[in-house]
Amino acid sequence: VEFHDFNGREYYVEIRSHEPYKPLEVDRYRVFSSVVGGRTFLNCQQRGFDAKSDARFFLAVYEFKDKDTLDMSLVSDAAMKSAPEFKTSKALRRFVEAHMKDKDFFEPGFVLKRP
């Protein structure tokens, strides 16, 4: 995973797979951070070189447990599928604020540790 900070709220992120005997796969994202309800969320929008390709996006919440440990959880697919189409970032924010305390809003989290 490689992060590039544009302005402290917008990032360029590349995620590269390194599976043996498979071609290198690279996913590119434009990522925005926002604080909603006291928690920091990432709005990750997939980017590709083909304008006709289907762009995906996902939301995650994160917290640094210490300088080398990142705790992250994704907003569940079920929560996003139940949501209306978001025409504005304010509509997305309102949805997150209304549902972030719902039991199944987040997927089980994972931890990334710096070696």
Protein backbone atom coordinates (compact mmCIF):
# COMPACT_ATOMS: atom_id res chain seq x y z
CA VAL A 1 0.00 0.00 0.00
CA GLU A 2 1.38 3.41 -0.99
CA PHE A 3 -0.13 6.73 0.19
CA HIS A 4 0.53 10.19 -1.26
CA ASP A 5 -0.84 13.20 0.61
CA PHE A 6 -2.14 16.04 -1.57
CA ASN A 7 -3.43 18.48 1.05
CA GLY A 8 -4.04 16.68 4.35
CA ARG A 9 -7.63 15.76 3.39
CA GLU A 10 -7.15 14.24 -0.08
CA TYR A 11 -4.82 11.35 -0.91
CA TYR A 12 -3.74 9.18 -3.81
CA VAL A 13 -3.47 5.51 -2.78
CA GLU A 14 -2.15 2.50 -4.69
CA ILE A 15 -2.71 -1.05 -3.52
CA ARG A 16 -0.51 -3.60 -5.28
CA SER A 17 -0.97 -7.36 -5.14
CA HIS A 18 2.17 -9.46 -5.06
CA GLU A 19 0.85 -12.96 -5.50
CA PRO A 20 3.40 -15.47 -6.79
CA TYR A 21 3.00 -16.53 -10.43
CA LYS A 22 0.34 -13.92 -11.13
CA PRO A 23 0.63 -10.62 -12.98
CA LEU A 24 0.99 -7.56 -10.78
CA GLU A 25 -2.40 -5.97 -10.09
CA VAL A 26 -2.66 -2.33 -9.06
CA ASP A 27 -5.77 -0.64 -7.71
CA ARG A 28 -5.69 3.16 -7.59
CA TYR A 29 -7.89 5.30 -5.37
CA ARG A 30 -8.66 8.93 -4.77
CA VAL A 31 -9.26 9.13 -1.03
CA PHE A 32 -10.82 11.87 1.09
CA SER A 33 -10.84 11.99 4.87
CA SER A 34 -13.73 13.41 6.88
CA VAL A 35 -14.61 13.48 10.55
CA VAL A 36 -18.19 12.33 11.14
CA GLY A 37 -19.56 11.86 14.63
CA GLY A 38 -16.07 12.14 16.13
CA ARG A 39 -14.59 9.35 13.96
CA THR A 40 -12.36 9.75 10.91
CA PHE A 41 -13.73 8.19 7.73
CA LEU A 42 -12.06 7.57 4.39
CA ASN A 43 -14.12 7.86 1.21
CA CYS A 44 -12.13 5.72 -1.24
CA GLN A 45 -13.00 6.17 -4.93
CA GLN A 46 -11.37 3.74 -7.32
CA ARG A 47 -9.67 5.24 -10.34
CA GLY A 48 -8.60 3.58 -13.56
CA PHE A 49 -7.16 4.52 -16.89
CA ASP A 50 -10.29 3.48 -18.79
CA ALA A 51 -13.05 6.09 -18.42
CA LYS A 52 -15.65 3.46 -19.37
CA SER A 53 -14.69 1.10 -16.54
CA ASP A 54 -16.98 0.83 -13.54
CA ALA A 55 -15.53 2.87 -10.70
CA ARG A 56 -16.06 1.48 -7.23
CA PHE A 57 -16.01 3.24 -3.93
CA PHE A 58 -16.00 2.19 -0.32
CA LEU A 59 -16.01 3.84 3.08
CA ALA A 60 -13.74 2.97 5.97
CA VAL A 61 -13.23 4.30 9.47
CA TYR A 62 -9.77 4.28 11.00
CA GLU A 63 -7.81 5.05 14.12
CA PHE A 64 -4.09 5.02 14.85
CA LYS A 65 -3.63 2.95 18.01
CA ASP A 66 0.01 4.03 18.19
CA LYS A 67 2.63 5.31 15.72
CA ASP A 68 2.96 1.87 14.08
CA THR A 69 -0.57 0.44 14.34
CA LEU A 70 -3.58 1.30 12.21
CA ASP A 71 -7.01 -0.12 13.11
CA MET A 72 -9.49 -0.01 10.21
CA SER A 73 -13.05 -1.17 9.52
CA LEU A 74 -14.99 -0.98 6.28
CA VAL A 75 -18.60 0.11 6.09
CA SER A 76 -20.47 -3.10 5.25
CA ASP A 77 -21.73 -3.87 1.76
CA ALA A 78 -25.17 -4.54 3.23
CA ALA A 79 -25.30 -1.04 4.75
CA MET A 80 -24.23 0.56 1.48
CA LYS A 81 -26.69 -1.50 -0.60
CA SER A 82 -29.54 -0.38 1.66
CA ALA A 83 -28.63 3.26 1.10
CA PRO A 84 -30.15 5.53 -1.52
CA GLU A 85 -27.94 6.85 -4.32
CA PHE A 86 -25.87 9.75 -2.97
CA LYS A 87 -26.11 12.81 -5.18
CA THR A 88 -23.97 14.97 -2.85
CA SER A 89 -21.31 14.52 -0.20
CA LYS A 90 -23.76 16.05 2.32
CA ALA A 91 -26.24 13.26 1.60
CA LEU A 92 -23.52 10.65 2.19
CA ARG A 93 -22.53 12.38 5.46
CA ARG A 94 -26.15 12.41 6.66
CA PHE A 95 -26.47 8.69 5.89
CA VAL A 96 -23.28 7.86 7.81
CA GLU A 97 -24.31 10.01 10.79
CA ALA A 98 -27.72 8.34 10.90
CA HIS A 99 -26.39 4.77 10.73
CA MET A 100 -22.84 4.65 12.13
CA LYS A 101 -24.06 3.26 15.45
CA ASP A 102 -26.13 0.50 13.81
CA LYS A 103 -24.96 -2.97 14.84
CA ASP A 104 -24.08 -4.18 11.32
CA PHE A 105 -22.91 -0.89 9.81
CA PHE A 106 -19.23 -1.95 9.87
CA GLU A 107 -17.50 -5.13 8.74
CA PRO A 108 -15.21 -6.78 11.30
CA GLY A 109 -12.07 -4.65 11.52
CA PHE A 110 -8.46 -5.41 10.73
CA VAL A 111 -5.14 -4.10 12.00
CA LEU A 112 -2.14 -3.00 9.91
CA LYS A 113 1.23 -2.88 11.67
CA ARG A 114 4.35 -1.18 10.35
CA PRO A 115 7.25 -3.65 10.25
